Amino acid sequence: MQEDAEALKESLMKDFGKYIQFAYIDVQSEEVKNYPKIAAILKRVNLPLTVINDEPRFHGGISNDMISEAVREIRTHRP
């Protein structure tokens, strides 16, 4: 899963550069405690979970195309 996430990161950085902040969080590590909103829903979603702007957006797989499109849409509607 981490390898897929790294490939996604590379793709997003290529397409959006400085507008992207990317973090891979192992939900079985202590680090997940830094994301209480996400920790609270982990039992209801299928991993991997993609979060954009602190909002859970996709779960159960990584689709570079879907995630890129969601980021592009947010960038387009940004004031």
PDB file of N, CA and C in Angstrom:
ATOM      1  N   MET A   1       0.824  -1.189   0.000  1.00  0.00           N
ATOM      2  CA  MET A   1       0.000   0.000   0.000  1.00  0.00           C
ATOM      3  C   MET A   1       0.873   1.259   0.000  1.00  0.00           C
ATOM      4  N   GLN A   2       1.959   1.229   0.763  1.00  0.00           N
ATOM      5  CA  GLN A   2       2.827   2.401   0.825  1.00  0.00           C
ATOM      6  C   GLN A   2       3.462   2.685  -0.531  1.00  0.00           C
ATOM      7  N   GLU A   3       3.783   1.651  -1.282  1.00  0.00           N
ATOM      8  CA  GLU A   3       4.351   1.850  -2.621  1.00  0.00           C
ATOM      9  C   GLU A   3       3.348   2.544  -3.533  1.00  0.00           C
ATOM     10  N   ASP A   4       2.080   2.147  -3.462  1.00  0.00           N
ATOM     11  CA  ASP A   4       1.038   2.804  -4.257  1.00  0.00           C
ATOM     12  C   ASP A   4       0.893   4.259  -3.854  1.00  0.00           C
ATOM     13  N   ALA A   5       0.978   4.511  -2.562  1.00  0.00           N
ATOM     14  CA  ALA A   5       0.869   5.886  -2.065  1.00  0.00           C
ATOM     15  C   ALA A   5       2.037   6.738  -2.560  1.00  0.00           C
ATOM     16  N   GLU A   6       3.219   6.168  -2.592  1.00  0.00           N
ATOM     17  CA  GLU A   6       4.388   6.908  -3.081  1.00  0.00           C
ATOM     18  C   GLU A   6       4.251   7.228  -4.568  1.00  0.00           C
ATOM     19  N   ALA A   7       3.706   6.289  -5.331  1.00  0.00           N
ATOM     20  CA  ALA A   7       3.471   6.539  -6.756  1.00  0.00           C
ATOM     21  C   ALA A   7       2.444   7.658  -6.931  1.00  0.00           C
ATOM     22  N   LEU A   8       1.421   7.652  -6.113  1.00  0.00           N
ATOM     23  CA  LEU A   8       0.421   8.716  -6.152  1.00  0.00           C
ATOM     24  C   LEU A   8       1.061  10.051  -5.811  1.00  0.00           C
ATOM     25  N   LYS A   9       1.874  10.077  -4.791  1.00  0.00           N
ATOM     26  CA  LYS A   9       2.557  11.311  -4.389  1.00  0.00           C
ATOM     27  C   LYS A   9       3.373  11.873  -5.548  1.00  0.00           C
ATOM     28  N   GLU A  10       4.145  11.032  -6.197  1.00  0.00           N
ATOM     29  CA  GLU A  10       4.955  11.485  -7.327  1.00  0.00           C
ATOM     30  C   GLU A  10       4.083  12.080  -8.424  1.00  0.00           C
ATOM     31  N   SER A  11       2.974  11.425  -8.719  1.00  0.00           N
ATOM     32  CA  SER A  11       2.059  11.903  -9.751  1.00  0.00           C
ATOM     33  C   SER A  11       1.457  13.257  -9.369  1.00  0.00           C
ATOM     34  N   LEU A  12       1.002  13.371  -8.124  1.00  0.00           N
ATOM     35  CA  LEU A  12       0.400  14.626  -7.675  1.00  0.00           C
ATOM     36  C   LEU A  12       1.421  15.763  -7.640  1.00  0.00           C
ATOM     37  N   MET A  13       2.637  15.471  -7.198  1.00  0.00           N
ATOM     38  CA  MET A  13       3.674  16.495  -7.152  1.00  0.00           C
ATOM     39  C   MET A  13       4.018  16.966  -8.567  1.00  0.00           C
ATOM     40  N   LYS A  14       4.022  16.046  -9.505  1.00  0.00           N
ATOM     41  CA  LYS A  14       4.292  16.395 -10.900  1.00  0.00           C
ATOM     42  C   LYS A  14       3.199  17.308 -11.450  1.00  0.00           C
ATOM     43  N   ASP A  15       1.946  16.979 -11.135  1.00  0.00           N
ATOM     44  CA  ASP A  15       0.817  17.728 -11.674  1.00  0.00           C
ATOM     45  C   ASP A  15       0.522  19.034 -10.932  1.00  0.00           C
ATOM     46  N   PHE A  16       0.762  19.053  -9.613  1.00  0.00           N
ATOM     47  CA  PHE A  16       0.318  20.197  -8.816  1.00  0.00           C
ATOM     48  C   PHE A  16       1.431  20.880  -8.023  1.00  0.00           C
ATOM     49  N   GLY A  17       2.591  20.292  -7.987  1.00  0.00           N
ATOM     50  CA  GLY A  17       3.760  20.895  -7.357  1.00  0.00           C
ATOM     51  C   GLY A  17       3.535  21.389  -5.947  1.00  0.00           C
ATOM     52  N   LYS A  18       3.809  22.648  -5.730  1.00  0.00           N
ATOM     53  CA  LYS A  18       3.789  23.241  -4.389  1.00  0.00           C
ATOM     54  C   LYS A  18       2.408  23.264  -3.739  1.00  0.00           C
ATOM     55  N   TYR A  19       1.375  23.003  -4.495  1.00  0.00           N
ATOM     56  CA  TYR A  19       0.015  23.034  -3.938  1.00  0.00           C
ATOM     57  C   TYR A  19      -0.342  21.761  -3.174  1.00  0.00           C
ATOM     58  N   ILE A  20       0.547  20.784  -3.214  1.00  0.00           N
ATOM     59  CA  ILE A  20       0.279  19.492  -2.597  1.00  0.00           C
ATOM     60  C   ILE A  20       1.104  19.307  -1.336  1.00  0.00           C
ATOM     61  N   GLN A  21       0.448  18.905  -0.283  1.00  0.00           N
ATOM     62  CA  GLN A  21       1.112  18.395   0.914  1.00  0.00           C
ATOM     63  C   GLN A  21       0.633  16.962   1.042  1.00  0.00           C
ATOM     64  N   PHE A  22       1.563  16.049   1.135  1.00  0.00           N
ATOM     65  CA  PHE A  22       1.219  14.635   1.091  1.00  0.00           C
ATOM     66  C   PHE A  22       1.814  13.938   2.298  1.00  0.00           C
ATOM     67  N   ALA A  23       1.023  13.095   2.930  1.00  0.00           N
ATOM     68  CA  ALA A  23       1.536  12.305   4.047  1.00  0.00           C
ATOM     69  C   ALA A  23       0.926  10.911   3.971  1.00  0.00           C
ATOM     70  N   TYR A  24       1.762   9.912   4.146  1.00  0.00           N
ATOM     71  CA  TYR A  24       1.302   8.539   4.266  1.00  0.00           C
ATOM     72  C   TYR A  24       1.286   8.224   5.753  1.00  0.00           C
ATOM     73  N   ILE A  25       0.150   7.843   6.275  1.00  0.00           N
ATOM     74  CA  ILE A  25       0.006   7.551   7.692  1.00  0.00           C
ATOM     75  C   ILE A  25      -0.334   6.074   7.866  1.00  0.00           C
ATOM     76  N   ASP A  26       0.477   5.376   8.626  1.00  0.00           N
ATOM     77  CA  ASP A  26       0.185   3.991   8.963  1.00  0.00           C
ATOM     78  C   ASP A  26      -0.836   4.034  10.101  1.00  0.00           C
ATOM     79  N   VAL A  27      -2.054   3.616   9.817  1.00  0.00           N
ATOM     80  CA  VAL A  27      -3.133   3.737  10.800  1.00  0.00           C
ATOM     81  C   VAL A  27      -2.961   2.793  11.981  1.00  0.00           C
ATOM     82  N   GLN A  28      -2.001   1.896  11.915  1.00  0.00           N
ATOM     83  CA  GLN A  28      -1.724   1.026  13.051  1.00  0.00           C
ATOM     84  C   GLN A  28      -0.594   1.571  13.913  1.00  0.00           C
ATOM     85  N   SER A  29      -0.113   2.754  13.571  1.00  0.00           N
ATOM     86  CA  SER A  29       0.959   3.379  14.344  1.00  0.00           C
ATOM     87  C   SER A  29       0.370   4.442  15.281  1.00  0.00           C
ATOM     88  N   GLU A  30       1.189   4.919  16.176  1.00  0.00           N
ATOM     89  CA  GLU A  30       0.775   5.980  17.097  1.00  0.00           C
ATOM     90  C   GLU A  30       0.480   7.288  16.367  1.00  0.00           C
ATOM     91  N   GLU A  31       1.038   7.445  15.177  1.00  0.00           N
ATOM     92  CA  GLU A  31       0.868   8.680  14.411  1.00  0.00           C
ATOM     93  C   GLU A  31      -0.597   8.986  14.109  1.00  0.00           C
ATOM     94  N   VAL A  32      -1.428   7.957  14.017  1.00  0.00           N
ATOM     95  CA  VAL A  32      -2.838   8.164  13.699  1.00  0.00           C
ATOM     96  C   VAL A  32      -3.537   8.998  14.777  1.00  0.00           C
ATOM     97  N   LYS A  33      -2.990   9.020  15.986  1.00  0.00           N
ATOM     98  CA  LYS A  33      -3.582   9.833  17.057  1.00  0.00           C
ATOM     99  C   LYS A  33      -3.540  11.318  16.739  1.00  0.00           C
ATOM    100  N   ASN A  34      -2.676  11.720  15.814  1.00  0.00           N
ATOM    101  CA  ASN A  34      -2.599  13.117  15.389  1.00  0.00           C
ATOM    102  C   ASN A  34      -3.760  13.497  14.471  1.00  0.00           C
ATOM    103  N   TYR A  35      -4.558  12.519  14.100  1.00  0.00           N
ATOM    104  CA  TYR A  35      -5.685  12.727  13.187  1.00  0.00           C
ATOM    105  C   TYR A  35      -6.954  12.138  13.805  1.00  0.00           C
ATOM    106  N   PRO A  36      -7.460  12.733  14.875  1.00  0.00           N
ATOM    107  CA  PRO A  36      -8.599  12.133  15.595  1.00  0.00           C
ATOM    108  C   PRO A  36      -9.854  11.976  14.740  1.00  0.00           C
ATOM    109  N   LYS A  37     -10.094  12.885  13.843  1.00  0.00           N
ATOM    110  CA  LYS A  37     -11.275  12.793  12.978  1.00  0.00           C
ATOM    111  C   LYS A  37     -11.193  11.538  12.098  1.00  0.00           C
ATOM    112  N   ILE A  38     -10.009  11.241  11.635  1.00  0.00           N
ATOM    113  CA  ILE A  38      -9.800  10.062  10.803  1.00  0.00           C
ATOM    114  C   ILE A  38      -9.830   8.793  11.658  1.00  0.00           C
ATOM    115  N   ALA A  39      -9.155   8.826  12.792  1.00  0.00           N
ATOM    116  CA  ALA A  39      -9.131   7.661  13.686  1.00  0.00           C
ATOM    117  C   ALA A  39     -10.552   7.236  14.061  1.00  0.00           C
ATOM    118  N   ALA A  40     -11.442   8.197  14.189  1.00  0.00           N
ATOM    119  CA  ALA A  40     -12.815   7.915  14.592  1.00  0.00           C
ATOM    120  C   ALA A  40     -13.605   7.141  13.539  1.00  0.00           C
ATOM    121  N   ILE A  41     -13.219   7.212  12.285  1.00  0.00           N
ATOM    122  CA  ILE A  41     -13.992   6.533  11.238  1.00  0.00           C
ATOM    123  C   ILE A  41     -13.318   5.279  10.690  1.00  0.00           C
ATOM    124  N   LEU A  42     -12.144   4.946  11.173  1.00  0.00           N
ATOM    125  CA  LEU A  42     -11.387   3.833  10.598  1.00  0.00           C
ATOM    126  C   LEU A  42     -12.144   2.507  10.587  1.00  0.00           C
ATOM    127  N   LYS A  43     -12.981   2.271  11.562  1.00  0.00           N
ATOM    128  CA  LYS A  43     -13.721   1.001  11.613  1.00  0.00           C
ATOM    129  C   LYS A  43     -14.841   0.942  10.580  1.00  0.00           C
ATOM    130  N   ARG A  44     -15.160   2.088   9.980  1.00  0.00           N
ATOM    131  CA  ARG A  44     -16.269   2.140   9.015  1.00  0.00           C
ATOM    132  C   ARG A  44     -15.810   2.238   7.565  1.00  0.00           C
ATOM    133  N   VAL A  45     -14.509   2.284   7.320  1.00  0.00           N
ATOM    134  CA  VAL A  45     -14.011   2.426   5.956  1.00  0.00           C
ATOM    135  C   VAL A  45     -13.072   1.275   5.609  1.00  0.00           C
ATOM    136  N   ASN A  46     -12.883   1.083   4.334  1.00  0.00           N
ATOM    137  CA  ASN A  46     -11.903   0.116   3.837  1.00  0.00           C
ATOM    138  C   ASN A  46     -10.633   0.876   3.487  1.00  0.00           C
ATOM    139  N   LEU A  47      -9.520   0.352   3.951  1.00  0.00           N
ATOM    140  CA  LEU A  47      -8.247   0.993   3.640  1.00  0.00           C
ATOM    141  C   LEU A  47      -7.801   0.609   2.240  1.00  0.00           C
ATOM    142  N   PRO A  48      -7.066   1.467   1.576  1.00  0.00           N
ATOM    143  CA  PRO A  48      -6.544   2.753   2.018  1.00  0.00           C
ATOM    144  C   PRO A  48      -7.623   3.829   1.991  1.00  0.00           C
ATOM    145  N   LEU A  49      -7.416   4.819   2.812  1.00  0.00           N
ATOM    146  CA  LEU A  49      -8.317   5.961   2.927  1.00  0.00           C
ATOM    147  C   LEU A  49      -7.586   7.191   2.409  1.00  0.00           C
ATOM    148  N   THR A  50      -8.199   7.885   1.483  1.00  0.00           N
ATOM    149  CA  THR A  50      -7.623   9.119   0.951  1.00  0.00           C
ATOM    150  C   THR A  50      -8.367  10.297   1.559  1.00  0.00           C
ATOM    151  N   VAL A  51      -7.610  11.205   2.146  1.00  0.00           N
ATOM    152  CA  VAL A  51      -8.162  12.391   2.787  1.00  0.00           C
ATOM    153  C   VAL A  51      -7.641  13.608   2.039  1.00  0.00           C
ATOM    154  N   ILE A  52      -8.541  14.499   1.663  1.00  0.00           N
ATOM    155  CA  ILE A  52      -8.161  15.721   0.964  1.00  0.00           C
ATOM    156  C   ILE A  52      -8.725  16.892   1.745  1.00  0.00           C
ATOM    157  N   ASN A  53      -7.849  17.817   2.099  1.00  0.00           N
ATOM    158  CA  ASN A  53      -8.255  18.989   2.898  1.00  0.00           C
ATOM    159  C   ASN A  53      -8.992  18.567   4.164  1.00  0.00           C
ATOM    160  N   ASP A  54      -8.446  17.590   4.850  1.00  0.00           N
ATOM    161  CA  ASP A  54      -8.978  17.085   6.127  1.00  0.00           C
ATOM    162  C   ASP A  54     -10.326  16.387   6.010  1.00  0.00           C
ATOM    163  N   GLU A  55     -10.754  16.083   4.799  1.00  0.00           N
ATOM    164  CA  GLU A  55     -12.027  15.394   4.599  1.00  0.00           C
ATOM    165  C   GLU A  55     -11.790  14.039   3.933  1.00  0.00           C
ATOM    166  N   PRO A  56     -12.300  12.965   4.498  1.00  0.00           N
ATOM    167  CA  PRO A  56     -12.187  11.661   3.842  1.00  0.00           C
ATOM    168  C   PRO A  56     -12.903  11.724   2.490  1.00  0.00           C
ATOM    169  N   ARG A  57     -12.212  11.296   1.447  1.00  0.00           N
ATOM    170  CA  ARG A  57     -12.801  11.383   0.105  1.00  0.00           C
ATOM    171  C   ARG A  57     -12.970  10.021  -0.566  1.00  0.00           C
ATOM    172  N   PHE A  58     -11.975   9.157  -0.455  1.00  0.00           N
ATOM    173  CA  PHE A  58     -12.024   7.862  -1.131  1.00  0.00           C
ATOM    174  C   PHE A  58     -11.520   6.788  -0.178  1.00  0.00           C
ATOM    175  N   HIS A  59     -12.078   5.597  -0.287  1.00  0.00           N
ATOM    176  CA  HIS A  59     -11.552   4.496   0.512  1.00  0.00           C
ATOM    177  C   HIS A  59     -11.680   3.203  -0.268  1.00  0.00           C
ATOM    178  N   GLY A  60     -10.829   2.246   0.101  1.00  0.00           N
ATOM    179  CA  GLY A  60     -10.874   0.942  -0.522  1.00  0.00           C
ATOM    180  C   GLY A  60      -9.921   0.754  -1.689  1.00  0.00           C
ATOM    181  N   GLY A  61      -9.209   1.786  -2.074  1.00  0.00           N
ATOM    182  CA  GLY A  61      -8.256   1.679  -3.176  1.00  0.00           C
ATOM    183  C   GLY A  61      -7.668   3.038  -3.485  1.00  0.00           C
ATOM    184  N   ILE A  62      -6.656   3.019  -4.321  1.00  0.00           N
ATOM    185  CA  ILE A  62      -6.025   4.274  -4.735  1.00  0.00           C
ATOM    186  C   ILE A  62      -6.204   4.401  -6.239  1.00  0.00           C
ATOM    187  N   SER A  63      -6.902   5.427  -6.650  1.00  0.00           N
ATOM    188  CA  SER A  63      -7.078   5.726  -8.069  1.00  0.00           C
ATOM    189  C   SER A  63      -6.418   7.068  -8.339  1.00  0.00           C
ATOM    190  N   ASN A  64      -5.266   7.025  -8.977  1.00  0.00           N
ATOM    191  CA  ASN A  64      -4.569   8.269  -9.290  1.00  0.00           C
ATOM    192  C   ASN A  64      -5.458   9.229 -10.064  1.00  0.00           C
ATOM    193  N   ASP A  65      -6.222   8.705 -11.017  1.00  0.00           N
ATOM    194  CA  ASP A  65      -7.080   9.562 -11.832  1.00  0.00           C
ATOM    195  C   ASP A  65      -8.172  10.233 -11.003  1.00  0.00           C
ATOM    196  N   MET A  66      -8.846   9.462 -10.154  1.00  0.00           N
ATOM    197  CA  MET A  66      -9.926  10.030  -9.341  1.00  0.00           C
ATOM    198  C   MET A  66      -9.388  11.060  -8.350  1.00  0.00           C
ATOM    199  N   ILE A  67      -8.271  10.750  -7.742  1.00  0.00           N
ATOM    200  CA  ILE A  67      -7.694  11.662  -6.753  1.00  0.00           C
ATOM    201  C   ILE A  67      -7.185  12.922  -7.436  1.00  0.00           C
ATOM    202  N   SER A  68      -6.523  12.774  -8.567  1.00  0.00           N
ATOM    203  CA  SER A  68      -6.051  13.950  -9.316  1.00  0.00           C
ATOM    204  C   SER A  68      -7.217  14.833  -9.735  1.00  0.00           C
ATOM    205  N   GLU A  69      -8.291  14.222 -10.189  1.00  0.00           N
ATOM    206  CA  GLU A  69      -9.465  14.988 -10.598  1.00  0.00           C
ATOM    207  C   GLU A  69     -10.065  15.740  -9.409  1.00  0.00           C
ATOM    208  N   ALA A  70     -10.131  15.105  -8.254  1.00  0.00           N
ATOM    209  CA  ALA A  70     -10.663  15.771  -7.057  1.00  0.00           C
ATOM    210  C   ALA A  70      -9.794  16.966  -6.671  1.00  0.00           C
ATOM    211  N   VAL A  71      -8.487  16.799  -6.732  1.00  0.00           N
ATOM    212  CA  VAL A  71      -7.577  17.908  -6.413  1.00  0.00           C
ATOM    213  C   VAL A  71      -7.732  19.021  -7.454  1.00  0.00           C
ATOM    214  N   ARG A  72      -7.809  18.649  -8.716  1.00  0.00           N
ATOM    215  CA  ARG A  72      -7.974  19.635  -9.786  1.00  0.00           C
ATOM    216  C   ARG A  72      -9.268  20.429  -9.579  1.00  0.00           C
ATOM    217  N   GLU A  73     -10.324  19.752  -9.196  1.00  0.00           N
ATOM    218  CA  GLU A  73     -11.612  20.422  -8.960  1.00  0.00           C
ATOM    219  C   GLU A  73     -11.496  21.416  -7.802  1.00  0.00           C
ATOM    220  N   ILE A  74     -10.834  21.026  -6.746  1.00  0.00           N
ATOM    221  CA  ILE A  74     -10.641  21.923  -5.603  1.00  0.00           C
ATOM    222  C   ILE A  74      -9.816  23.132  -6.021  1.00  0.00           C
ATOM    223  N   ARG A  75      -8.758  22.921  -6.778  1.00  0.00           N
ATOM    224  CA  ARG A  75      -7.905  24.025  -7.231  1.00  0.00           C
ATOM    225  C   ARG A  75      -8.678  24.980  -8.128  1.00  0.00           C
ATOM    226  N   THR A  76      -9.577  24.451  -8.946  1.00  0.00           N
ATOM    227  CA  THR A  76     -10.359  25.263  -9.858  1.00  0.00           C
ATOM    228  C   THR A  76     -11.353  26.147  -9.116  1.00  0.00           C
ATOM    229  N   HIS A  77     -11.928  25.632  -8.032  1.00  0.00           N
ATOM    230  CA  HIS A  77     -12.954  26.370  -7.292  1.00  0.00           C
ATOM    231  C   HIS A  77     -12.388  27.159  -6.118  1.00  0.00           C
ATOM    232  N   ARG A  78     -11.101  27.233  -6.036  1.00  0.00           N
ATOM    233  CA  ARG A  78     -10.451  27.969  -4.942  1.00  0.00           C
ATOM    234  C   ARG A  78     -10.531  29.468  -5.209  1.00  0.00           C
ATOM    235  N   PRO A  79     -10.891  30.249  -4.187  1.00  0.00           N
ATOM    236  CA  PRO A  79     -10.975  31.705  -4.388  1.00  0.00           C
ATOM    237  C   PRO A  79      -9.624  32.334  -4.658  1.00  0.00           C
TER     238      PRO A  79
END
